[in-house]
Amino acid sequence: MTIPLGQSVQDKARGAYLGLAIGDALGATVEFMTPNEIKAAYTVHKDIIGGGWLNLKPGEVTDDTEMSLALGLALLTVQQVDAVAIAEAFSQWMRSKPIDIGNTVRRGIVYYRNHGETSVPKSEFNAGNGACMRTLPIALATMGHDHNAVIAASRLQSHITHHCDFSDAGTEHIVHLLQMALNGYGRHELEKLSLEFVEHNPKYYYDTKEIYNPSGFIAETLQAVLQCFYSTDSFESCLIKVVNRGGDADTTGAIAGMLAGACYGVKSIPKRWLKKLDQNIADMCTTQAEDLLLLAPISIVSVKKIIPASHEQVQRL
């Protein structure tokens, strides 16, 4: 362990993981709704009440949090970033019949089961937000690594389901922002990095114009997240602003929750939201946040050859 892990870093890590789950639970209620529909139903959606198209219980989470926990468990179990271990964890998660799973994620897991490969073929159609939404464990476990190693780790987990240069760039930017926030940099310092990022990746450009109905396309997701994160000054205001945009609100909520939690710390999260969050999920998020930091900087395994799937894996499809 080469990084000093003071209480503030741990507090921010717990805030990021709980923020992810709370943003997921809050946003899931209004996922796929338009802002006008949200306004008609709730005036302003600001409480964790469940429901939504998935008919969730209050405090229940979706694939954003569940896949993050599956990824975190894989890292902790083998104590390295190992694409096979991560792919197996995702496969086991899908076998549990989750309440929701994205089409690109499903295809990627099926591809791994059929071919034993931990990277789907590169495709511009893999530019969804599914790898980004679950990236927090990578950000935590690679604290202290150099930039190239962090990128390599991010791509090992991302390419299992999303192999696309464009989505890689967005996911890696979020990892970079999370690590800066965990290291104590403030919101204004993070925005300097984001402005530099969009200068080189103009399709991610965001401004003060409100972005409504962000889709699962990673550019729209991050435009909404970054605009809300940089135009607010608290965890609560950021989360309320982003989920009331509607669209893919559980994922915009989850990613905004990671950033805001890492920036403002766990004490910034409203107690009414913490009380509503499923207690088992809250406990797992807190434990993983602490344990993943203890692994940092985690070792990273390079995949150099195809590993064939076992007959049992294929039969379970």
C-alpha atoms as a PDB file:
ATOM      1  CA  MET A   1       0.000   0.000   0.000  1.00  0.00           C
ATOM      2  CA  THR A   2       1.693   3.181  -1.147  1.00  0.00           C
ATOM      3  CA  ILE A   3      -1.153   5.702  -0.805  1.00  0.00           C
ATOM      4  CA  PRO A   4      -1.829   7.350   2.564  1.00  0.00           C
ATOM      5  CA  LEU A   5      -5.419   6.438   3.359  1.00  0.00           C
ATOM      6  CA  GLY A   6      -6.549   9.128   5.728  1.00  0.00           C
ATOM      7  CA  GLN A   7     -10.080   9.333   7.052  1.00  0.00           C
ATOM      8  CA  SER A   8     -10.983  11.891   4.399  1.00  0.00           C
ATOM      9  CA  VAL A   9     -10.118   9.512   1.566  1.00  0.00           C
ATOM     10  CA  GLN A  10     -12.143   6.719   3.131  1.00  0.00           C
ATOM     11  CA  ASP A  11     -15.019   9.119   3.759  1.00  0.00           C
ATOM     12  CA  LYS A  12     -15.007  10.174   0.116  1.00  0.00           C
ATOM     13  CA  ALA A  13     -14.809   6.552  -1.060  1.00  0.00           C
ATOM     14  CA  ARG A  14     -17.805   5.594   1.072  1.00  0.00           C
ATOM     15  CA  GLY A  15     -19.605   8.689  -0.192  1.00  0.00           C
ATOM     16  CA  ALA A  16     -18.908   7.703  -3.794  1.00  0.00           C
ATOM     17  CA  TYR A  17     -20.179   4.134  -3.388  1.00  0.00           C
ATOM     18  CA  LEU A  18     -23.255   5.085  -1.400  1.00  0.00           C
ATOM     19  CA  GLY A  19     -23.788   7.958  -3.825  1.00  0.00           C
ATOM     20  CA  LEU A  20     -23.804   5.504  -6.711  1.00  0.00           C
ATOM     21  CA  ALA A  21     -26.487   3.366  -5.056  1.00  0.00           C
ATOM     22  CA  ILE A  22     -28.597   6.316  -3.946  1.00  0.00           C
ATOM     23  CA  GLY A  23     -28.463   7.929  -7.390  1.00  0.00           C
ATOM     24  CA  ASP A  24     -29.510   4.602  -8.893  1.00  0.00           C
ATOM     25  CA  ALA A  25     -32.416   4.130  -6.461  1.00  0.00           C
ATOM     26  CA  LEU A  26     -33.567   7.731  -6.790  1.00  0.00           C
ATOM     27  CA  GLY A  27     -33.319   7.834 -10.570  1.00  0.00           C
ATOM     28  CA  ALA A  28     -34.930   4.456 -11.206  1.00  0.00           C
ATOM     29  CA  THR A  29     -38.327   5.848 -10.204  1.00  0.00           C
ATOM     30  CA  VAL A  30     -38.342   8.250 -13.145  1.00  0.00           C
ATOM     31  CA  GLU A  31     -36.298   6.256 -15.678  1.00  0.00           C
ATOM     32  CA  PHE A  32     -37.666   6.691 -19.224  1.00  0.00           C
ATOM     33  CA  MET A  33     -39.995   9.489 -18.139  1.00  0.00           C
ATOM     34  CA  THR A  34     -39.812  12.940 -19.719  1.00  0.00           C
ATOM     35  CA  PRO A  35     -39.241  16.036 -17.587  1.00  0.00           C
ATOM     36  CA  ASN A  36     -42.839  17.117 -18.168  1.00  0.00           C
ATOM     37  CA  GLU A  37     -44.122  13.707 -17.052  1.00  0.00           C
ATOM     38  CA  ILE A  38     -41.943  13.901 -13.933  1.00  0.00           C
ATOM     39  CA  LYS A  39     -43.202  17.388 -13.171  1.00  0.00           C
ATOM     40  CA  ALA A  40     -46.831  16.310 -13.590  1.00  0.00           C
ATOM     41  CA  ALA A  41     -46.360  13.286 -11.322  1.00  0.00           C
ATOM     42  CA  TYR A  42     -44.072  14.686  -8.605  1.00  0.00           C
ATOM     43  CA  THR A  43     -43.612  18.428  -9.221  1.00  0.00           C
ATOM     44  CA  VAL A  44     -39.954  17.772  -8.309  1.00  0.00           C
ATOM     45  CA  HIS A  45     -38.814  14.189  -7.798  1.00  0.00           C
ATOM     46  CA  LYS A  46     -36.659  14.264  -4.660  1.00  0.00           C
ATOM     47  CA  ASP A  47     -37.441  11.190  -2.547  1.00  0.00           C
ATOM     48  CA  ILE A  48     -36.533   7.515  -2.777  1.00  0.00           C
ATOM     49  CA  ILE A  49     -39.960   5.940  -3.210  1.00  0.00           C
ATOM     50  CA  GLY A  50     -39.402   3.003  -5.567  1.00  0.00           C
ATOM     51  CA  GLY A  51     -41.925   2.260  -8.280  1.00  0.00           C
ATOM     52  CA  GLY A  52     -41.072   3.287 -11.813  1.00  0.00           C
ATOM     53  CA  TRP A  53     -41.275   0.963 -14.813  1.00  0.00           C
ATOM     54  CA  LEU A  54     -39.466  -1.760 -12.821  1.00  0.00           C
ATOM     55  CA  ASN A  55     -41.929  -1.456  -9.913  1.00  0.00           C
ATOM     56  CA  LEU A  56     -39.089  -1.287  -7.393  1.00  0.00           C
ATOM     57  CA  LYS A  57     -39.416  -1.309  -3.636  1.00  0.00           C
ATOM     58  CA  PRO A  58     -38.287   1.934  -1.966  1.00  0.00           C
ATOM     59  CA  GLY A  59     -34.492   1.778  -1.681  1.00  0.00           C
ATOM     60  CA  GLU A  60     -34.085  -1.042  -4.197  1.00  0.00           C
ATOM     61  CA  VAL A  61     -31.342  -0.623  -6.809  1.00  0.00           C
ATOM     62  CA  THR A  62     -30.843  -1.741 -10.402  1.00  0.00           C
ATOM     63  CA  ASP A  63     -28.060  -3.115 -12.586  1.00  0.00           C
ATOM     64  CA  ASP A  64     -25.896   0.004 -12.121  1.00  0.00           C
ATOM     65  CA  THR A  65     -25.228  -0.818  -8.467  1.00  0.00           C
ATOM     66  CA  GLU A  66     -25.442  -4.586  -8.809  1.00  0.00           C
ATOM     67  CA  MET A  67     -22.822  -4.739 -11.568  1.00  0.00           C
ATOM     68  CA  SER A  68     -20.541  -2.423  -9.600  1.00  0.00           C
ATOM     69  CA  LEU A  69     -20.776  -4.736  -6.590  1.00  0.00           C
ATOM     70  CA  ALA A  70     -20.141  -7.773  -8.828  1.00  0.00           C
ATOM     71  CA  LEU A  71     -17.048  -6.080 -10.258  1.00  0.00           C
ATOM     72  CA  GLY A  72     -15.854  -5.062  -6.798  1.00  0.00           C
ATOM     73  CA  LEU A  73     -16.311  -8.594  -5.488  1.00  0.00           C
ATOM     74  CA  ALA A  74     -14.258  -9.997  -8.383  1.00  0.00           C
ATOM     75  CA  LEU A  75     -11.409  -7.583  -7.648  1.00  0.00           C
ATOM     76  CA  LEU A  76     -11.460  -8.409  -3.953  1.00  0.00           C
ATOM     77  CA  THR A  77     -11.681 -12.163  -4.486  1.00  0.00           C
ATOM     78  CA  VAL A  78      -8.643 -12.512  -6.772  1.00  0.00           C
ATOM     79  CA  GLN A  79      -6.944  -9.302  -5.515  1.00  0.00           C
ATOM     80  CA  GLN A  80      -6.080  -8.173  -9.023  1.00  0.00           C
ATOM     81  CA  VAL A  81      -7.769  -6.766 -12.107  1.00  0.00           C
ATOM     82  CA  ASP A  82      -8.344 -10.029 -13.959  1.00  0.00           C
ATOM     83  CA  ALA A  83     -10.699  -9.918 -16.936  1.00  0.00           C
ATOM     84  CA  VAL A  84     -11.641 -13.598 -16.607  1.00  0.00           C
ATOM     85  CA  ALA A  85     -12.612 -13.188 -12.950  1.00  0.00           C
ATOM     86  CA  ILE A  86     -14.639 -10.082 -13.810  1.00  0.00           C
ATOM     87  CA  ALA A  87     -16.372 -11.754 -16.753  1.00  0.00           C
ATOM     88  CA  GLU A  88     -17.246 -14.719 -14.548  1.00  0.00           C
ATOM     89  CA  ALA A  89     -18.658 -12.371 -11.915  1.00  0.00           C
ATOM     90  CA  PHE A  90     -20.815 -10.666 -14.532  1.00  0.00           C
ATOM     91  CA  SER A  91     -21.939 -14.044 -15.856  1.00  0.00           C
ATOM     92  CA  GLN A  92     -22.935 -15.191 -12.372  1.00  0.00           C
ATOM     93  CA  TRP A  93     -24.779 -11.943 -11.839  1.00  0.00           C
ATOM     94  CA  MET A  94     -26.763 -12.428 -15.063  1.00  0.00           C
ATOM     95  CA  ARG A  95     -27.539 -15.999 -14.024  1.00  0.00           C
ATOM     96  CA  SER A  96     -29.190 -14.593 -10.871  1.00  0.00           C
ATOM     97  CA  LYS A  97     -31.912 -13.117 -13.127  1.00  0.00           C
ATOM     98  CA  PRO A  98     -31.422  -9.434 -12.245  1.00  0.00           C
ATOM     99  CA  ILE A  99     -34.368  -7.099 -12.337  1.00  0.00           C
ATOM    100  CA  ASP A 100     -32.832  -5.202 -15.251  1.00  0.00           C
ATOM    101  CA  ILE A 101     -29.977  -5.745 -17.719  1.00  0.00           C
ATOM    102  CA  GLY A 102     -28.966  -3.694 -20.733  1.00  0.00           C
ATOM    103  CA  ASN A 103     -28.915  -5.261 -24.183  1.00  0.00           C
ATOM    104  CA  THR A 104     -25.230  -4.512 -24.781  1.00  0.00           C
ATOM    105  CA  VAL A 105     -24.305  -5.969 -21.402  1.00  0.00           C
ATOM    106  CA  ARG A 106     -26.335  -9.095 -22.085  1.00  0.00           C
ATOM    107  CA  ARG A 107     -24.725  -9.577 -25.493  1.00  0.00           C
ATOM    108  CA  GLY A 108     -21.259  -9.149 -24.023  1.00  0.00           C
ATOM    109  CA  ILE A 109     -21.815 -11.719 -21.303  1.00  0.00           C
ATOM    110  CA  VAL A 110     -23.307 -14.176 -23.786  1.00  0.00           C
ATOM    111  CA  TYR A 111     -20.293 -13.604 -26.066  1.00  0.00           C
ATOM    112  CA  TYR A 112     -17.973 -14.468 -23.183  1.00  0.00           C
ATOM    113  CA  ARG A 113     -19.947 -17.608 -22.395  1.00  0.00           C
ATOM    114  CA  ASN A 114     -19.939 -18.733 -26.025  1.00  0.00           C
ATOM    115  CA  HIS A 115     -16.382 -17.850 -26.989  1.00  0.00           C
ATOM    116  CA  GLY A 116     -14.453 -17.588 -23.727  1.00  0.00           C
ATOM    117  CA  GLU A 117     -13.152 -14.184 -24.803  1.00  0.00           C
ATOM    118  CA  THR A 118     -13.063 -11.334 -22.326  1.00  0.00           C
ATOM    119  CA  SER A 119     -13.407  -8.655 -24.990  1.00  0.00           C
ATOM    120  CA  VAL A 120     -16.256  -8.305 -27.429  1.00  0.00           C
ATOM    121  CA  PRO A 121     -15.291  -7.245 -30.964  1.00  0.00           C
ATOM    122  CA  LYS A 122     -14.763  -3.507 -31.286  1.00  0.00           C
ATOM    123  CA  SER A 123     -17.878  -1.720 -32.534  1.00  0.00           C
ATOM    124  CA  GLU A 124     -19.165   1.845 -32.658  1.00  0.00           C
ATOM    125  CA  PHE A 125     -22.502   0.410 -31.513  1.00  0.00           C
ATOM    126  CA  ASN A 126     -20.950  -0.341 -28.105  1.00  0.00           C
ATOM    127  CA  ALA A 127     -20.967   3.345 -27.175  1.00  0.00           C
ATOM    128  CA  GLY A 128     -23.475   2.932 -24.357  1.00  0.00           C
ATOM    129  CA  ASN A 129     -23.037   3.881 -20.713  1.00  0.00           C
ATOM    130  CA  GLY A 130     -23.021   0.330 -19.274  1.00  0.00           C
ATOM    131  CA  ALA A 131     -19.277   0.124 -18.634  1.00  0.00           C
ATOM    132  CA  CYS A 132     -19.128   3.627 -17.177  1.00  0.00           C
ATOM    133  CA  MET A 133     -21.972   3.079 -14.712  1.00  0.00           C
ATOM    134  CA  ARG A 134     -20.025   0.263 -12.972  1.00  0.00           C
ATOM    135  CA  THR A 135     -16.531   1.780 -13.087  1.00  0.00           C
ATOM    136  CA  LEU A 136     -16.225   2.955  -9.471  1.00  0.00           C
ATOM    137  CA  PRO A 137     -14.470  -0.202  -8.154  1.00  0.00           C
ATOM    138  CA  ILE A 138     -11.754   0.279 -10.786  1.00  0.00           C
ATOM    139  CA  ALA A 139     -11.287   3.899  -9.723  1.00  0.00           C
ATOM    140  CA  LEU A 140     -10.919   2.865  -6.091  1.00  0.00           C
ATOM    141  CA  ALA A 141      -8.649  -0.151  -6.570  1.00  0.00           C
ATOM    142  CA  THR A 142      -6.250   1.574  -8.993  1.00  0.00           C
ATOM    143  CA  MET A 143      -5.584   4.595  -6.785  1.00  0.00           C
ATOM    144  CA  GLY A 144      -1.834   5.178  -6.883  1.00  0.00           C
ATOM    145  CA  HIS A 145      -1.253   3.660 -10.314  1.00  0.00           C
ATOM    146  CA  ASP A 146       0.064   5.758 -13.180  1.00  0.00           C
ATOM    147  CA  HIS A 147      -2.356   6.963 -15.833  1.00  0.00           C
ATOM    148  CA  ASN A 148      -1.577   4.227 -18.357  1.00  0.00           C
ATOM    149  CA  ALA A 149      -2.146   1.469 -15.815  1.00  0.00           C
ATOM    150  CA  VAL A 150      -5.484   2.971 -14.785  1.00  0.00           C
ATOM    151  CA  ILE A 151      -6.555   3.084 -18.435  1.00  0.00           C
ATOM    152  CA  ALA A 152      -5.500  -0.537 -18.938  1.00  0.00           C
ATOM    153  CA  ALA A 153      -7.535  -1.637 -15.923  1.00  0.00           C
ATOM    154  CA  SER A 154     -10.550   0.361 -17.061  1.00  0.00           C
ATOM    155  CA  ARG A 155     -10.463  -1.230 -20.499  1.00  0.00           C
ATOM    156  CA  LEU A 156     -10.114  -4.748 -19.132  1.00  0.00           C
ATOM    157  CA  GLN A 157     -13.456  -4.414 -17.364  1.00  0.00           C
ATOM    158  CA  SER A 158     -15.130  -2.261 -20.030  1.00  0.00           C
ATOM    159  CA  HIS A 159     -14.358  -4.423 -23.052  1.00  0.00           C
ATOM    160  CA  ILE A 160     -16.114  -7.445 -21.610  1.00  0.00           C
ATOM    161  CA  THR A 161     -19.322  -5.781 -22.766  1.00  0.00           C
ATOM    162  CA  HIS A 162     -18.426  -2.398 -24.333  1.00  0.00           C
ATOM    163  CA  HIS A 163     -15.471  -2.281 -26.748  1.00  0.00           C
ATOM    164  CA  CYS A 164     -15.518   1.149 -28.331  1.00  0.00           C
ATOM    165  CA  ASP A 165     -12.912   3.918 -28.357  1.00  0.00           C
ATOM    166  CA  PHE A 166     -15.588   6.553 -27.795  1.00  0.00           C
ATOM    167  CA  SER A 167     -17.087   4.891 -24.729  1.00  0.00           C
ATOM    168  CA  ASP A 168     -13.581   4.109 -23.433  1.00  0.00           C
ATOM    169  CA  ALA A 169     -12.789   7.819 -23.460  1.00  0.00           C
ATOM    170  CA  GLY A 170     -15.879   8.769 -21.469  1.00  0.00           C
ATOM    171  CA  THR A 171     -15.465   5.964 -18.946  1.00  0.00           C
ATOM    172  CA  GLU A 172     -11.804   6.798 -18.404  1.00  0.00           C
ATOM    173  CA  HIS A 173     -12.653  10.463 -17.884  1.00  0.00           C
ATOM    174  CA  ILE A 174     -15.071   9.530 -15.110  1.00  0.00           C
ATOM    175  CA  VAL A 175     -12.399   7.324 -13.492  1.00  0.00           C
ATOM    176  CA  HIS A 176      -9.939  10.230 -13.644  1.00  0.00           C
ATOM    177  CA  LEU A 177     -12.466  12.626 -12.089  1.00  0.00           C
ATOM    178  CA  LEU A 178     -13.273  10.159  -9.317  1.00  0.00           C
ATOM    179  CA  GLN A 179      -9.620   9.696  -8.434  1.00  0.00           C
ATOM    180  CA  MET A 180      -9.005  13.442  -8.400  1.00  0.00           C
ATOM    181  CA  ALA A 181     -11.987  13.955  -6.101  1.00  0.00           C
ATOM    182  CA  LEU A 182     -10.838  11.149  -3.816  1.00  0.00           C
ATOM    183  CA  ASN A 183      -7.426  12.820  -3.640  1.00  0.00           C
ATOM    184  CA  GLY A 184      -9.031  16.025  -2.394  1.00  0.00           C
ATOM    185  CA  TYR A 185      -9.404  18.122  -5.537  1.00  0.00           C
ATOM    186  CA  GLY A 186     -12.521  20.291  -5.580  1.00  0.00           C
ATOM    187  CA  ARG A 187     -15.288  20.700  -8.104  1.00  0.00           C
ATOM    188  CA  HIS A 188     -13.687  23.677  -9.879  1.00  0.00           C
ATOM    189  CA  GLU A 189     -10.411  21.822 -10.286  1.00  0.00           C
ATOM    190  CA  LEU A 190     -12.269  18.823 -11.690  1.00  0.00           C
ATOM    191  CA  GLU A 191     -14.046  21.035 -14.209  1.00  0.00           C
ATOM    192  CA  LYS A 192     -10.722  22.212 -15.613  1.00  0.00           C
ATOM    193  CA  LEU A 193     -10.008  18.587 -16.463  1.00  0.00           C
ATOM    194  CA  SER A 194     -13.464  18.158 -18.007  1.00  0.00           C
ATOM    195  CA  LEU A 195     -13.054  21.252 -20.160  1.00  0.00           C
ATOM    196  CA  GLU A 196      -9.758  19.888 -21.421  1.00  0.00           C
ATOM    197  CA  PHE A 197     -11.432  16.528 -22.056  1.00  0.00           C
ATOM    198  CA  VAL A 198     -14.271  17.971 -24.144  1.00  0.00           C
ATOM    199  CA  GLU A 199     -11.796  20.098 -26.098  1.00  0.00           C
ATOM    200  CA  HIS A 200     -10.225  16.846 -27.319  1.00  0.00           C
ATOM    201  CA  ASN A 201     -13.545  14.956 -27.434  1.00  0.00           C
ATOM    202  CA  PRO A 202     -16.046  17.554 -28.720  1.00  0.00           C
ATOM    203  CA  LYS A 203     -18.972  15.139 -28.939  1.00  0.00           C
ATOM    204  CA  TYR A 204     -18.989  15.188 -25.126  1.00  0.00           C
ATOM    205  CA  TYR A 205     -19.303  18.970 -25.052  1.00  0.00           C
ATOM    206  CA  TYR A 206     -21.648  20.267 -22.364  1.00  0.00           C
ATOM    207  CA  ASP A 207     -22.676  23.801 -21.400  1.00  0.00           C
ATOM    208  CA  THR A 208     -25.254  25.492 -19.203  1.00  0.00           C
ATOM    209  CA  LYS A 209     -28.113  24.413 -21.454  1.00  0.00           C
ATOM    210  CA  GLU A 210     -30.165  21.773 -19.703  1.00  0.00           C
ATOM    211  CA  ILE A 211     -30.001  18.366 -21.330  1.00  0.00           C
ATOM    212  CA  TYR A 212     -33.354  16.606 -21.178  1.00  0.00           C
ATOM    213  CA  ASN A 213     -34.102  12.918 -21.673  1.00  0.00           C
ATOM    214  CA  PRO A 214     -30.471  11.738 -21.845  1.00  0.00           C
ATOM    215  CA  SER A 215     -30.335   8.321 -23.476  1.00  0.00           C
ATOM    216  CA  GLY A 216     -28.054   5.373 -22.810  1.00  0.00           C
ATOM    217  CA  PHE A 217     -25.575   6.798 -25.356  1.00  0.00           C
ATOM    218  CA  ILE A 218     -22.566   7.641 -23.212  1.00  0.00           C
ATOM    219  CA  ALA A 219     -22.127  11.146 -24.619  1.00  0.00           C
ATOM    220  CA  GLU A 220     -25.674  12.158 -23.664  1.00  0.00           C
ATOM    221  CA  THR A 221     -25.297  10.507 -20.267  1.00  0.00           C
ATOM    222  CA  LEU A 222     -22.086  12.344 -19.427  1.00  0.00           C
ATOM    223  CA  GLN A 223     -23.287  15.651 -20.853  1.00  0.00           C
ATOM    224  CA  ALA A 224     -26.198  15.555 -18.401  1.00  0.00           C
ATOM    225  CA  VAL A 225     -24.036  14.361 -15.494  1.00  0.00           C
ATOM    226  CA  LEU A 226     -21.258  16.906 -15.990  1.00  0.00           C
ATOM    227  CA  GLN A 227     -23.645  19.792 -16.575  1.00  0.00           C
ATOM    228  CA  CYS A 228     -25.537  19.009 -13.354  1.00  0.00           C
ATOM    229  CA  PHE A 229     -22.410  18.275 -11.303  1.00  0.00           C
ATOM    230  CA  TYR A 230     -20.656  21.505 -12.266  1.00  0.00           C
ATOM    231  CA  SER A 231     -23.739  23.745 -12.006  1.00  0.00           C
ATOM    232  CA  THR A 232     -24.618  22.712  -8.431  1.00  0.00           C
ATOM    233  CA  ASP A 233     -22.739  22.882  -5.148  1.00  0.00           C
ATOM    234  CA  SER A 234     -24.055  19.980  -3.071  1.00  0.00           C
ATOM    235  CA  PHE A 235     -24.739  16.260  -3.291  1.00  0.00           C
ATOM    236  CA  GLU A 236     -28.494  16.740  -2.940  1.00  0.00           C
ATOM    237  CA  SER A 237     -28.878  19.509  -5.496  1.00  0.00           C
ATOM    238  CA  CYS A 238     -26.765  17.620  -8.044  1.00  0.00           C
ATOM    239  CA  LEU A 239     -28.787  14.406  -7.721  1.00  0.00           C
ATOM    240  CA  ILE A 240     -32.179  16.114  -7.812  1.00  0.00           C
ATOM    241  CA  LYS A 241     -31.193  18.149 -10.837  1.00  0.00           C
ATOM    242  CA  VAL A 242     -29.923  15.196 -12.864  1.00  0.00           C
ATOM    243  CA  VAL A 243     -32.718  12.693 -12.189  1.00  0.00           C
ATOM    244  CA  ASN A 244     -35.399  15.248 -12.999  1.00  0.00           C
ATOM    245  CA  ARG A 245     -33.981  15.355 -16.526  1.00  0.00           C
ATOM    246  CA  GLY A 246     -35.615  11.951 -17.014  1.00  0.00           C
ATOM    247  CA  GLY A 247     -34.352   9.548 -19.680  1.00  0.00           C
ATOM    248  CA  ASP A 248     -31.815   7.021 -18.431  1.00  0.00           C
ATOM    249  CA  ALA A 249     -32.196   8.504 -14.971  1.00  0.00           C
ATOM    250  CA  ASP A 250     -30.957   5.569 -12.896  1.00  0.00           C
ATOM    251  CA  THR A 251     -27.606   5.701 -14.696  1.00  0.00           C
ATOM    252  CA  THR A 252     -27.238   9.481 -14.792  1.00  0.00           C
ATOM    253  CA  GLY A 253     -28.159   9.394 -11.103  1.00  0.00           C
ATOM    254  CA  ALA A 254     -25.626   6.654 -10.379  1.00  0.00           C
ATOM    255  CA  ILE A 255     -22.719   8.359 -12.152  1.00  0.00           C
ATOM    256  CA  ALA A 256     -23.571  11.788 -10.738  1.00  0.00           C
ATOM    257  CA  GLY A 257     -23.885  10.154  -7.308  1.00  0.00           C
ATOM    258  CA  MET A 258     -20.379   8.676  -7.594  1.00  0.00           C
ATOM    259  CA  LEU A 259     -18.882  12.040  -8.487  1.00  0.00           C
ATOM    260  CA  ALA A 260     -20.813  14.064  -5.938  1.00  0.00           C
ATOM    261  CA  GLY A 261     -20.170  11.496  -3.206  1.00  0.00           C
ATOM    262  CA  ALA A 262     -16.446  11.467  -3.963  1.00  0.00           C
ATOM    263  CA  CYS A 263     -16.354  15.260  -4.031  1.00  0.00           C
ATOM    264  CA  TYR A 264     -18.474  16.085  -0.986  1.00  0.00           C
ATOM    265  CA  GLY A 265     -18.072  12.947   1.164  1.00  0.00           C
ATOM    266  CA  VAL A 266     -20.515  10.635   2.868  1.00  0.00           C
ATOM    267  CA  LYS A 267     -21.672  13.267   5.371  1.00  0.00           C
ATOM    268  CA  SER A 268     -23.100  15.299   2.502  1.00  0.00           C
ATOM    269  CA  ILE A 269     -25.676  12.612   1.647  1.00  0.00           C
ATOM    270  CA  PRO A 270     -29.128  13.457   3.030  1.00  0.00           C
ATOM    271  CA  LYS A 271     -30.055  11.193   5.919  1.00  0.00           C
ATOM    272  CA  ARG A 272     -33.528  10.618   4.490  1.00  0.00           C
ATOM    273  CA  TRP A 273     -31.925   8.990   1.448  1.00  0.00           C
ATOM    274  CA  LEU A 274     -29.499   6.897   3.479  1.00  0.00           C
ATOM    275  CA  LYS A 275     -32.364   5.607   5.629  1.00  0.00           C
ATOM    276  CA  LYS A 276     -34.372   4.575   2.570  1.00  0.00           C
ATOM    277  CA  LEU A 277     -31.542   2.764   0.798  1.00  0.00           C
ATOM    278  CA  ASP A 278     -31.722  -1.034   1.133  1.00  0.00           C
ATOM    279  CA  GLN A 279     -29.589  -1.813   4.198  1.00  0.00           C
ATOM    280  CA  ASN A 280     -27.834  -4.823   2.690  1.00  0.00           C
ATOM    281  CA  ILE A 281     -26.856  -2.750  -0.345  1.00  0.00           C
ATOM    282  CA  ALA A 282     -25.676   0.103   1.873  1.00  0.00           C
ATOM    283  CA  ASP A 283     -23.533  -2.287   3.931  1.00  0.00           C
ATOM    284  CA  MET A 284     -21.992  -3.885   0.836  1.00  0.00           C
ATOM    285  CA  CYS A 285     -21.207  -0.489  -0.681  1.00  0.00           C
ATOM    286  CA  THR A 286     -19.547   0.735   2.497  1.00  0.00           C
ATOM    287  CA  THR A 287     -17.515  -2.453   2.973  1.00  0.00           C
ATOM    288  CA  GLN A 288     -16.376  -2.624  -0.640  1.00  0.00           C
ATOM    289  CA  ALA A 289     -15.356   1.039  -0.645  1.00  0.00           C
ATOM    290  CA  GLU A 290     -13.075   0.460   2.316  1.00  0.00           C
ATOM    291  CA  ASP A 291     -11.722  -2.903   1.157  1.00  0.00           C
ATOM    292  CA  LEU A 292     -11.003  -1.766  -2.412  1.00  0.00           C
ATOM    293  CA  LEU A 293      -8.971   1.159  -1.097  1.00  0.00           C
ATOM    294  CA  LEU A 294      -6.883  -1.295   0.922  1.00  0.00           C
ATOM    295  CA  LEU A 295      -6.026  -3.154  -2.311  1.00  0.00           C
ATOM    296  CA  ALA A 296      -4.783  -0.013  -4.038  1.00  0.00           C
ATOM    297  CA  PRO A 297      -2.720   0.014  -6.152  1.00  0.00           C
ATOM    298  CA  ILE A 298      -4.063  -3.357  -7.275  1.00  0.00           C
ATOM    299  CA  SER A 299      -2.109  -5.541  -9.711  1.00  0.00           C
ATOM    300  CA  ILE A 300      -3.405  -5.699 -13.280  1.00  0.00           C
ATOM    301  CA  VAL A 301      -3.411  -8.846 -15.418  1.00  0.00           C
ATOM    302  CA  SER A 302      -2.973  -8.453 -19.159  1.00  0.00           C
ATOM    303  CA  VAL A 303      -5.022 -10.778 -21.340  1.00  0.00           C
ATOM    304  CA  LYS A 304      -2.732 -12.056 -24.089  1.00  0.00           C
ATOM    305  CA  LYS A 305      -4.712 -14.966 -25.469  1.00  0.00           C
ATOM    306  CA  ILE A 306      -8.222 -16.287 -25.834  1.00  0.00           C
ATOM    307  CA  ILE A 307      -9.363 -18.466 -22.974  1.00  0.00           C
ATOM    308  CA  PRO A 308     -11.900 -20.997 -24.233  1.00  0.00           C
ATOM    309  CA  ALA A 309     -15.205 -21.245 -22.443  1.00  0.00           C
ATOM    310  CA  SER A 310     -15.889 -24.479 -20.649  1.00  0.00           C
ATOM    311  CA  HIS A 311     -18.630 -26.803 -21.910  1.00  0.00           C
ATOM    312  CA  GLU A 312     -20.534 -26.093 -18.693  1.00  0.00           C
ATOM    313  CA  GLN A 313     -20.491 -22.354 -19.335  1.00  0.00           C
ATOM    314  CA  VAL A 314     -21.875 -22.776 -22.834  1.00  0.00           C
ATOM    315  CA  GLN A 315     -24.548 -25.220 -21.664  1.00  0.00           C
ATOM    316  CA  ARG A 316     -25.792 -22.701 -19.089  1.00  0.00           C
ATOM    317  CA  LEU A 317     -26.619 -20.083 -21.716  1.00  0.00           C
END
